[in-house]
PDB file of N, CA and C in Angstrom:
ATOM      1  N   MET A   1       0.829  -1.192   0.000  1.00  0.00           N
ATOM      2  CA  MET A   1       0.000   0.000   0.000  1.00  0.00           C
ATOM      3  C   MET A   1       0.867   1.247   0.000  1.00  0.00           C
ATOM      4  N   GLY A   2       1.936   1.210   0.775  1.00  0.00           N
ATOM      5  CA  GLY A   2       2.819   2.371   0.858  1.00  0.00           C
ATOM      6  C   GLY A   2       3.504   2.663  -0.457  1.00  0.00           C
ATOM      7  N   THR A   3       3.888   1.614  -1.188  1.00  0.00           N
ATOM      8  CA  THR A   3       4.549   1.843  -2.478  1.00  0.00           C
ATOM      9  C   THR A   3       3.594   2.456  -3.490  1.00  0.00           C
ATOM     10  N   ILE A   4       2.328   2.073  -3.405  1.00  0.00           N
ATOM     11  CA  ILE A   4       1.335   2.649  -4.321  1.00  0.00           C
ATOM     12  C   ILE A   4       1.163   4.135  -4.033  1.00  0.00           C
ATOM     13  N   VAL A   5       1.089   4.473  -2.750  1.00  0.00           N
ATOM     14  CA  VAL A   5       0.916   5.877  -2.373  1.00  0.00           C
ATOM     15  C   VAL A   5       2.144   6.684  -2.765  1.00  0.00           C
ATOM     16  N   LEU A   6       3.324   6.146  -2.486  1.00  0.00           N
ATOM     17  CA  LEU A   6       4.550   6.872  -2.839  1.00  0.00           C
ATOM     18  C   LEU A   6       4.709   7.034  -4.343  1.00  0.00           C
ATOM     19  N   SER A   7       4.414   5.994  -5.105  1.00  0.00           N
ATOM     20  CA  SER A   7       4.525   6.130  -6.554  1.00  0.00           C
ATOM     21  C   SER A   7       3.461   7.091  -7.096  1.00  0.00           C
ATOM     22  N   GLY A   8       2.279   7.065  -6.502  1.00  0.00           N
ATOM     23  CA  GLY A   8       1.246   8.031  -6.902  1.00  0.00           C
ATOM     24  C   GLY A   8       1.676   9.456  -6.601  1.00  0.00           C
ATOM     25  N   ALA A   9       2.294   9.657  -5.448  1.00  0.00           N
ATOM     26  CA  ALA A   9       2.789  10.989  -5.106  1.00  0.00           C
ATOM     27  C   ALA A   9       3.899  11.416  -6.061  1.00  0.00           C
ATOM     28  N   ALA A  10       4.770  10.476  -6.442  1.00  0.00           N
ATOM     29  CA  ALA A  10       5.848  10.803  -7.385  1.00  0.00           C
ATOM     30  C   ALA A  10       5.272  11.215  -8.741  1.00  0.00           C
ATOM     31  N   VAL A  11       4.252  10.502  -9.185  1.00  0.00           N
ATOM     32  CA  VAL A  11       3.615  10.854 -10.462  1.00  0.00           C
ATOM     33  C   VAL A  11       2.988  12.236 -10.373  1.00  0.00           C
ATOM     34  N   LEU A  12       2.341  12.532  -9.248  1.00  0.00           N
ATOM     35  CA  LEU A  12       1.736  13.850  -9.088  1.00  0.00           C
ATOM     36  C   LEU A  12       2.790  14.953  -9.054  1.00  0.00           C
ATOM     37  N   VAL A  13       3.945  14.670  -8.460  1.00  0.00           N
ATOM     38  CA  VAL A  13       5.022  15.667  -8.440  1.00  0.00           C
ATOM     39  C   VAL A  13       5.537  15.911  -9.846  1.00  0.00           C
ATOM     40  N   VAL A  14       5.713  14.833 -10.623  1.00  0.00           N
ATOM     41  CA  VAL A  14       6.192  15.000 -12.006  1.00  0.00           C
ATOM     42  C   VAL A  14       5.171  15.790 -12.824  1.00  0.00           C
ATOM     43  N   LEU A  15       3.906  15.473 -12.651  1.00  0.00           N
ATOM     44  CA  LEU A  15       2.871  16.224 -13.362  1.00  0.00           C
ATOM     45  C   LEU A  15       2.797  17.664 -12.860  1.00  0.00           C
ATOM     46  N   GLY A  16       3.256  17.895 -11.642  1.00  0.00           N
ATOM     47  CA  GLY A  16       3.197  19.211 -11.039  1.00  0.00           C
ATOM     48  C   GLY A  16       4.095  20.238 -11.692  1.00  0.00           C
ATOM     49  N   PHE A  17       5.062  19.796 -12.505  1.00  0.00           N
ATOM     50  CA  PHE A  17       5.912  20.770 -13.191  1.00  0.00           C
ATOM     51  C   PHE A  17       5.106  21.587 -14.190  1.00  0.00           C
ATOM     52  N   GLY A  18       4.003  21.024 -14.683  1.00  0.00           N
ATOM     53  CA  GLY A  18       3.155  21.762 -15.602  1.00  0.00           C
ATOM     54  C   GLY A  18       2.028  22.500 -14.894  1.00  0.00           C
ATOM     55  N   ASN A  19       1.583  21.967 -13.768  1.00  0.00           N
ATOM     56  CA  ASN A  19       0.448  22.556 -13.054  1.00  0.00           C
ATOM     57  C   ASN A  19       0.673  22.328 -11.555  1.00  0.00           C
ATOM     58  N   SER A  20       0.787  23.394 -10.800  1.00  0.00           N
ATOM     59  CA  SER A  20       1.138  23.272  -9.383  1.00  0.00           C
ATOM     60  C   SER A  20       0.033  22.669  -8.530  1.00  0.00           C
ATOM     61  N   VAL A  21      -1.173  22.536  -9.079  1.00  0.00           N
ATOM     62  CA  VAL A  21      -2.258  21.905  -8.327  1.00  0.00           C
ATOM     63  C   VAL A  21      -1.921  20.451  -8.042  1.00  0.00           C
ATOM     64  N   TYR A  22      -1.183  19.814  -8.950  1.00  0.00           N
ATOM     65  CA  TYR A  22      -0.777  18.428  -8.734  1.00  0.00           C
ATOM     66  C   TYR A  22       0.182  18.307  -7.550  1.00  0.00           C
ATOM     67  N   TRP A  23       1.015  19.300  -7.338  1.00  0.00           N
ATOM     68  CA  TRP A  23       1.905  19.282  -6.167  1.00  0.00           C
ATOM     69  C   TRP A  23       1.078  19.316  -4.886  1.00  0.00           C
ATOM     70  N   LEU A  24       0.066  20.147  -4.878  1.00  0.00           N
ATOM     71  CA  LEU A  24      -0.810  20.202  -3.705  1.00  0.00           C
ATOM     72  C   LEU A  24      -1.516  18.864  -3.487  1.00  0.00           C
ATOM     73  N   ALA A  25      -1.912  18.236  -4.570  1.00  0.00           N
ATOM     74  CA  ALA A  25      -2.558  16.923  -4.456  1.00  0.00           C
ATOM     75  C   ALA A  25      -1.582  15.888  -3.904  1.00  0.00           C
ATOM     76  N   ALA A  26      -0.310  15.965  -4.323  1.00  0.00           N
ATOM     77  CA  ALA A  26       0.702  15.038  -3.819  1.00  0.00           C
ATOM     78  C   ALA A  26       0.927  15.242  -2.325  1.00  0.00           C
ATOM     79  N   VAL A  27       1.000  16.490  -1.910  1.00  0.00           N
ATOM     80  CA  VAL A  27       1.183  16.784  -0.485  1.00  0.00           C
ATOM     81  C   VAL A  27      -0.024  16.293   0.311  1.00  0.00           C
ATOM     82  N   ALA A  28      -1.216  16.532  -0.205  1.00  0.00           N
ATOM     83  CA  ALA A  28      -2.429  16.081   0.484  1.00  0.00           C
ATOM     84  C   ALA A  28      -2.472  14.561   0.574  1.00  0.00           C
ATOM     85  N   LEU A  29      -2.075  13.881  -0.497  1.00  0.00           N
ATOM     86  CA  LEU A  29      -2.047  12.422  -0.507  1.00  0.00           C
ATOM     87  C   LEU A  29      -1.082  11.889   0.538  1.00  0.00           C
ATOM     88  N   LEU A  30       0.108  12.452   0.590  1.00  0.00           N
ATOM     89  CA  LEU A  30       1.090  12.008   1.583  1.00  0.00           C
ATOM     90  C   LEU A  30       0.622  12.317   3.004  1.00  0.00           C
ATOM     91  N   PHE A  31       0.025  13.480   3.199  1.00  0.00           N
ATOM     92  CA  PHE A  31      -0.476  13.830   4.521  1.00  0.00           C
ATOM     93  C   PHE A  31      -1.553  12.850   4.974  1.00  0.00           C
ATOM     94  N   LEU A  32      -2.506  12.559   4.102  1.00  0.00           N
ATOM     95  CA  LEU A  32      -3.576  11.636   4.470  1.00  0.00           C
ATOM     96  C   LEU A  32      -3.043  10.233   4.737  1.00  0.00           C
ATOM     97  N   TYR A  33      -2.058   9.810   3.951  1.00  0.00           N
ATOM     98  CA  TYR A  33      -1.484   8.490   4.176  1.00  0.00           C
ATOM     99  C   TYR A  33      -0.763   8.432   5.515  1.00  0.00           C
ATOM    100  N   LEU A  34      -0.015   9.471   5.845  1.00  0.00           N
ATOM    101  CA  LEU A  34       0.696   9.472   7.124  1.00  0.00           C
ATOM    102  C   LEU A  34      -0.271   9.605   8.300  1.00  0.00           C
ATOM    103  N   GLN A  35      -1.351  10.345   8.103  1.00  0.00           N
ATOM    104  CA  GLN A  35      -2.300  10.566   9.186  1.00  0.00           C
ATOM    105  C   GLN A  35      -3.171   9.341   9.432  1.00  0.00           C
ATOM    106  N   TYR A  36      -3.702   8.739   8.375  1.00  0.00           N
ATOM    107  CA  TYR A  36      -4.684   7.668   8.520  1.00  0.00           C
ATOM    108  C   TYR A  36      -4.239   6.344   7.920  1.00  0.00           C
ATOM    109  N   GLY A  37      -3.074   6.294   7.363  1.00  0.00           N
ATOM    110  CA  GLY A  37      -2.642   5.106   6.644  1.00  0.00           C
ATOM    111  C   GLY A  37      -2.158   3.998   7.541  1.00  0.00           C
ATOM    112  N   ARG A  38      -1.416   3.104   6.936  1.00  0.00           N
ATOM    113  CA  ARG A  38      -0.968   1.895   7.602  1.00  0.00           C
ATOM    114  C   ARG A  38      -0.067   2.173   8.790  1.00  0.00           C
ATOM    115  N   GLY A  39       0.782   3.176   8.705  1.00  0.00           N
ATOM    116  CA  GLY A  39       1.727   3.456   9.771  1.00  0.00           C
ATOM    117  C   GLY A  39       1.174   4.346  10.861  1.00  0.00           C
ATOM    118  N   ALA A  40      -0.123   4.609  10.848  1.00  0.00           N
ATOM    119  CA  ALA A  40      -0.707   5.518  11.839  1.00  0.00           C
ATOM    120  C   ALA A  40      -0.735   4.871  13.202  1.00  0.00           C
ATOM    121  N   ARG A  41      -0.478   5.654  14.217  1.00  0.00           N
ATOM    122  CA  ARG A  41      -0.529   5.197  15.605  1.00  0.00           C
ATOM    123  C   ARG A  41      -1.810   5.735  16.232  1.00  0.00           C
ATOM    124  N   PRO A  42      -2.499   4.918  17.053  1.00  0.00           N
ATOM    125  CA  PRO A  42      -3.685   5.445  17.726  1.00  0.00           C
ATOM    126  C   PRO A  42      -3.287   6.499  18.736  1.00  0.00           C
ATOM    127  N   SER A  43      -4.067   7.566  18.788  1.00  0.00           N
ATOM    128  CA  SER A  43      -3.744   8.648  19.705  1.00  0.00           C
ATOM    129  C   SER A  43      -4.087   8.245  21.130  1.00  0.00           C
ATOM    130  N   SER A  44      -3.334   8.772  22.086  1.00  0.00           N
ATOM    131  CA  SER A  44      -3.563   8.411  23.482  1.00  0.00           C
ATOM    132  C   SER A  44      -4.835   9.039  24.016  1.00  0.00           C
ATOM    133  N   GLY A  45      -5.337  10.084  23.383  1.00  0.00           N
ATOM    134  CA  GLY A  45      -6.548  10.741  23.833  1.00  0.00           C
ATOM    135  C   GLY A  45      -7.793  10.249  23.126  1.00  0.00           C
ATOM    136  N   SER A  46      -7.746   9.051  22.568  1.00  0.00           N
ATOM    137  CA  SER A  46      -8.904   8.549  21.836  1.00  0.00           C
ATOM    138  C   SER A  46     -10.010   8.179  22.798  1.00  0.00           C
ATOM    139  N   ALA A  47     -11.213   8.109  22.267  1.00  0.00           N
ATOM    140  CA  ALA A  47     -12.379   7.801  23.094  1.00  0.00           C
ATOM    141  C   ALA A  47     -12.288   6.380  23.615  1.00  0.00           C
ATOM    142  N   GLY A  48     -12.620   6.190  24.866  1.00  0.00           N
ATOM    143  CA  GLY A  48     -12.533   4.876  25.472  1.00  0.00           C
ATOM    144  C   GLY A  48     -13.603   3.928  24.973  1.00  0.00           C
ATOM    145  N   GLY A  49     -14.701   4.429  24.476  1.00  0.00           N
ATOM    146  CA  GLY A  49     -15.785   3.579  24.036  1.00  0.00           C
ATOM    147  C   GLY A  49     -15.672   3.138  22.601  1.00  0.00           C
ATOM    148  N   SER A  50     -14.600   3.429  21.934  1.00  0.00           N
ATOM    149  CA  SER A  50     -14.476   3.035  20.535  1.00  0.00           C
ATOM    150  C   SER A  50     -14.289   1.540  20.443  1.00  0.00           C
ATOM    151  N   SER A  51     -14.836   0.932  19.415  1.00  0.00           N
ATOM    152  CA  SER A  51     -14.743  -0.505  19.252  1.00  0.00           C
ATOM    153  C   SER A  51     -13.811  -0.858  18.115  1.00  0.00           C
ATOM    154  N   SER A  52     -12.712  -0.174  18.026  1.00  0.00           N
ATOM    155  CA  SER A  52     -11.744  -0.434  16.984  1.00  0.00           C
ATOM    156  C   SER A  52     -11.048  -1.744  17.234  1.00  0.00           C
ATOM    157  N   GLY A  53     -11.072  -2.640  16.244  1.00  0.00           N
ATOM    158  CA  GLY A  53     -10.447  -3.932  16.412  1.00  0.00           C
ATOM    159  C   GLY A  53      -8.945  -3.905  16.278  1.00  0.00           C
ATOM    160  N   SER A  54      -8.369  -2.888  15.693  1.00  0.00           N
ATOM    161  CA  SER A  54      -6.936  -2.863  15.456  1.00  0.00           C
ATOM    162  C   SER A  54      -6.154  -2.273  16.619  1.00  0.00           C
ATOM    163  N   PHE A  55      -6.824  -1.681  17.593  1.00  0.00           N
ATOM    164  CA  PHE A  55      -6.138  -1.040  18.700  1.00  0.00           C
ATOM    165  C   PHE A  55      -5.778  -2.073  19.752  1.00  0.00           C
ATOM    166  N   MET A  56      -4.494  -2.144  20.107  1.00  0.00           N
ATOM    167  CA  MET A  56      -4.049  -3.041  21.161  1.00  0.00           C
ATOM    168  C   MET A  56      -3.783  -2.224  22.411  1.00  0.00           C
ATOM    169  N   PRO A  57      -4.388  -2.606  23.546  1.00  0.00           N
ATOM    170  CA  PRO A  57      -4.136  -1.859  24.771  1.00  0.00           C
ATOM    171  C   PRO A  57      -2.683  -1.991  25.196  1.00  0.00           C
ATOM    172  N   SER A  58      -2.199  -0.976  25.891  1.00  0.00           N
ATOM    173  CA  SER A  58      -0.800  -0.955  26.266  1.00  0.00           C
ATOM    174  C   SER A  58      -0.492  -1.898  27.418  1.00  0.00           C
ATOM    175  N   SER A  59      -1.494  -2.256  28.192  1.00  0.00           N
ATOM    176  CA  SER A  59      -1.255  -3.159  29.307  1.00  0.00           C
ATOM    177  C   SER A  59      -2.482  -4.027  29.528  1.00  0.00           C
ATOM    178  N   TYR A  60      -2.291  -5.045  30.331  1.00  0.00           N
ATOM    179  CA  TYR A  60      -3.406  -5.926  30.646  1.00  0.00           C
ATOM    180  C   TYR A  60      -4.478  -5.178  31.428  1.00  0.00           C
ATOM    181  N   GLN A  61      -4.054  -4.253  32.292  1.00  0.00           N
ATOM    182  CA  GLN A  61      -5.024  -3.488  33.072  1.00  0.00           C
ATOM    183  C   GLN A  61      -5.904  -2.644  32.160  1.00  0.00           C
ATOM    184  N   ALA A  62      -5.318  -2.039  31.140  1.00  0.00           N
ATOM    185  CA  ALA A  62      -6.101  -1.246  30.188  1.00  0.00           C
ATOM    186  C   ALA A  62      -7.069  -2.136  29.413  1.00  0.00           C
ATOM    187  N   TYR A  63      -6.601  -3.333  29.068  1.00  0.00           N
ATOM    188  CA  TYR A  63      -7.455  -4.293  28.369  1.00  0.00           C
ATOM    189  C   TYR A  63      -8.643  -4.690  29.239  1.00  0.00           C
ATOM    190  N   ARG A  64      -8.390  -5.016  30.520  1.00  0.00           N
ATOM    191  CA  ARG A  64      -9.460  -5.413  31.419  1.00  0.00           C
ATOM    192  C   ARG A  64     -10.454  -4.276  31.654  1.00  0.00           C
ATOM    193  N   LYS A  65      -9.937  -3.061  31.784  1.00  0.00           N
ATOM    194  CA  LYS A  65     -10.818  -1.913  31.996  1.00  0.00           C
ATOM    195  C   LYS A  65     -11.740  -1.709  30.797  1.00  0.00           C
ATOM    196  N   ARG A  66     -11.177  -1.832  29.601  1.00  0.00           N
ATOM    197  CA  ARG A  66     -11.985  -1.680  28.390  1.00  0.00           C
ATOM    198  C   ARG A  66     -13.032  -2.792  28.299  1.00  0.00           C
ATOM    199  N   ARG A  67     -12.660  -4.023  28.603  1.00  0.00           N
ATOM    200  CA  ARG A  67     -13.601  -5.133  28.558  1.00  0.00           C
ATOM    201  C   ARG A  67     -14.703  -4.983  29.601  1.00  0.00           C
ATOM    202  N   GLU A  68     -14.346  -4.540  30.812  1.00  0.00           N
ATOM    203  CA  GLU A  68     -15.346  -4.349  31.857  1.00  0.00           C
ATOM    204  C   GLU A  68     -16.319  -3.232  31.494  1.00  0.00           C
ATOM    205  N   THR A  69     -15.804  -2.160  30.893  1.00  0.00           N
ATOM    206  CA  THR A  69     -16.671  -1.064  30.459  1.00  0.00           C
ATOM    207  C   THR A  69     -17.626  -1.537  29.373  1.00  0.00           C
ATOM    208  N   GLN A  70     -17.113  -2.318  28.418  1.00  0.00           N
ATOM    209  CA  GLN A  70     -17.957  -2.847  27.352  1.00  0.00           C
ATOM    210  C   GLN A  70     -19.039  -3.762  27.920  1.00  0.00           C
ATOM    211  N   ALA A  71     -18.675  -4.624  28.855  1.00  0.00           N
ATOM    212  CA  ALA A  71     -19.650  -5.532  29.464  1.00  0.00           C
ATOM    213  C   ALA A  71     -20.715  -4.749  30.226  1.00  0.00           C
ATOM    214  N   LYS A  72     -20.293  -3.682  30.904  1.00  0.00           N
ATOM    215  CA  LYS A  72     -21.249  -2.856  31.647  1.00  0.00           C
ATOM    216  C   LYS A  72     -22.270  -2.244  30.702  1.00  0.00           C
ATOM    217  N   TRP A  73     -21.804  -1.714  29.559  1.00  0.00           N
ATOM    218  CA  TRP A  73     -22.718  -1.111  28.599  1.00  0.00           C
ATOM    219  C   TRP A  73     -23.643  -2.152  27.974  1.00  0.00           C
ATOM    220  N   GLU A  74     -23.130  -3.366  27.724  1.00  0.00           N
ATOM    221  CA  GLU A  74     -23.974  -4.415  27.161  1.00  0.00           C
ATOM    222  C   GLU A  74     -25.043  -4.855  28.156  1.00  0.00           C
ATOM    223  N   ARG A  75     -24.693  -4.978  29.437  1.00  0.00           N
ATOM    224  CA  ARG A  75     -25.693  -5.326  30.453  1.00  0.00           C
ATOM    225  C   ARG A  75     -26.759  -4.242  30.558  1.00  0.00           C
ATOM    226  N   ARG A  76     -26.318  -2.992  30.503  1.00  0.00           N
ATOM    227  CA  ARG A  76     -27.275  -1.887  30.580  1.00  0.00           C
ATOM    228  C   ARG A  76     -28.220  -1.908  29.379  1.00  0.00           C
ATOM    229  N   TYR A  77     -27.697  -2.167  28.182  1.00  0.00           N
ATOM    230  CA  TYR A  77     -28.541  -2.219  26.982  1.00  0.00           C
ATOM    231  C   TYR A  77     -29.562  -3.341  27.107  1.00  0.00           C
ATOM    232  N   ARG A  78     -29.115  -4.524  27.560  1.00  0.00           N
ATOM    233  CA  ARG A  78     -30.051  -5.644  27.709  1.00  0.00           C
ATOM    234  C   ARG A  78     -31.130  -5.331  28.733  1.00  0.00           C
ATOM    235  N   ARG A  79     -30.764  -4.631  29.792  1.00  0.00           N
ATOM    236  CA  ARG A  79     -31.728  -4.281  30.831  1.00  0.00           C
ATOM    237  C   ARG A  79     -32.738  -3.251  30.313  1.00  0.00           C
ATOM    238  N   GLU A  80     -32.294  -2.268  29.547  1.00  0.00           N
ATOM    239  CA  GLU A  80     -33.167  -1.200  29.084  1.00  0.00           C
ATOM    240  C   GLU A  80     -33.938  -1.545  27.823  1.00  0.00           C
ATOM    241  N   HIS A  81     -33.505  -2.567  27.079  1.00  0.00           N
ATOM    242  CA  HIS A  81     -34.170  -2.959  25.828  1.00  0.00           C
ATOM    243  C   HIS A  81     -34.447  -4.463  25.836  1.00  0.00           C
ATOM    244  N   PRO A  82     -35.330  -4.937  26.722  1.00  0.00           N
ATOM    245  CA  PRO A  82     -35.522  -6.391  26.826  1.00  0.00           C
ATOM    246  C   PRO A  82     -36.143  -7.013  25.571  1.00  0.00           C
ATOM    247  N   PHE A  83     -37.062  -6.326  24.918  1.00  0.00           N
ATOM    248  CA  PHE A  83     -37.704  -6.899  23.736  1.00  0.00           C
ATOM    249  C   PHE A  83     -36.716  -7.022  22.580  1.00  0.00           C
ATOM    250  N   GLU A  84     -35.900  -5.997  22.390  1.00  0.00           N
ATOM    251  CA  GLU A  84     -34.892  -6.038  21.324  1.00  0.00           C
ATOM    252  C   GLU A  84     -33.869  -7.139  21.603  1.00  0.00           C
ATOM    253  N   THR A  85     -33.496  -7.294  22.860  1.00  0.00           N
ATOM    254  CA  THR A  85     -32.533  -8.330  23.228  1.00  0.00           C
ATOM    255  C   THR A  85     -33.100  -9.713  22.929  1.00  0.00           C
ATOM    256  N   ARG A  86     -34.365  -9.933  23.293  1.00  0.00           N
ATOM    257  CA  ARG A  86     -34.985 -11.233  23.007  1.00  0.00           C
ATOM    258  C   ARG A  86     -35.080 -11.483  21.514  1.00  0.00           C
ATOM    259  N   ARG A  87     -35.396 -10.433  20.732  1.00  0.00           N
ATOM    260  CA  ARG A  87     -35.490 -10.596  19.280  1.00  0.00           C
ATOM    261  C   ARG A  87     -34.136 -10.977  18.696  1.00  0.00           C
ATOM    262  N   GLN A  88     -33.086 -10.329  19.181  1.00  0.00           N
ATOM    263  CA  GLN A  88     -31.750 -10.639  18.682  1.00  0.00           C
ATOM    264  C   GLN A  88     -31.344 -12.064  19.039  1.00  0.00           C
ATOM    265  N   GLU A  89     -31.715 -12.523  20.236  1.00  0.00           N
ATOM    266  CA  GLU A  89     -31.389 -13.892  20.638  1.00  0.00           C
ATOM    267  C   GLU A  89     -32.142 -14.912  19.785  1.00  0.00           C
ATOM    268  N   ARG A  90     -33.413 -14.603  19.451  1.00  0.00           N
ATOM    269  CA  ARG A  90     -34.166 -15.496  18.580  1.00  0.00           C
ATOM    270  C   ARG A  90     -33.533 -15.595  17.202  1.00  0.00           C
ATOM    271  N   GLN A  91     -33.043 -14.468  16.679  1.00  0.00           N
ATOM    272  CA  GLN A  91     -32.405 -14.476  15.360  1.00  0.00           C
ATOM    273  C   GLN A  91     -31.096 -15.256  15.377  1.00  0.00           C
ATOM    274  N   LYS A  92     -30.378 -15.230  16.477  1.00  0.00           N
ATOM    275  CA  LYS A  92     -29.129 -15.994  16.576  1.00  0.00           C
ATOM    276  C   LYS A  92     -29.401 -17.491  16.519  1.00  0.00           C
ATOM    277  N   LYS A  93     -30.503 -17.920  17.113  1.00  0.00           N
ATOM    278  CA  LYS A  93     -30.833 -19.350  17.174  1.00  0.00           C
ATOM    279  C   LYS A  93     -31.239 -19.907  15.813  1.00  0.00           C
ATOM    280  N   LYS A  94     -31.722 -19.056  14.915  1.00  0.00           N
ATOM    281  CA  LYS A  94     -32.183 -19.526  13.590  1.00  0.00           C
ATOM    282  C   LYS A  94     -31.044 -19.962  12.722  1.00  0.00           C
TER     283      LYS A  94
END
């Protein structure tokens, strides 16, 4: 993925000699790749309730806290929405 982005940026830079808008597109492409691409690191100030599967907690305690919070919210949802919970359980059994 990184080679595709880098080669795309190189092509945009070469095209940029005729039109500077392509240079801006190359910079934007590289910025977006560095910000959200494969090498991006999750920020430490991210929301605790996010259900991102790619985020690995830094310690076992952080992992347990996240799991306990998730379980608490799931218990609360089941308690406040009993009919929806039963419907979902029936669909799982089918």
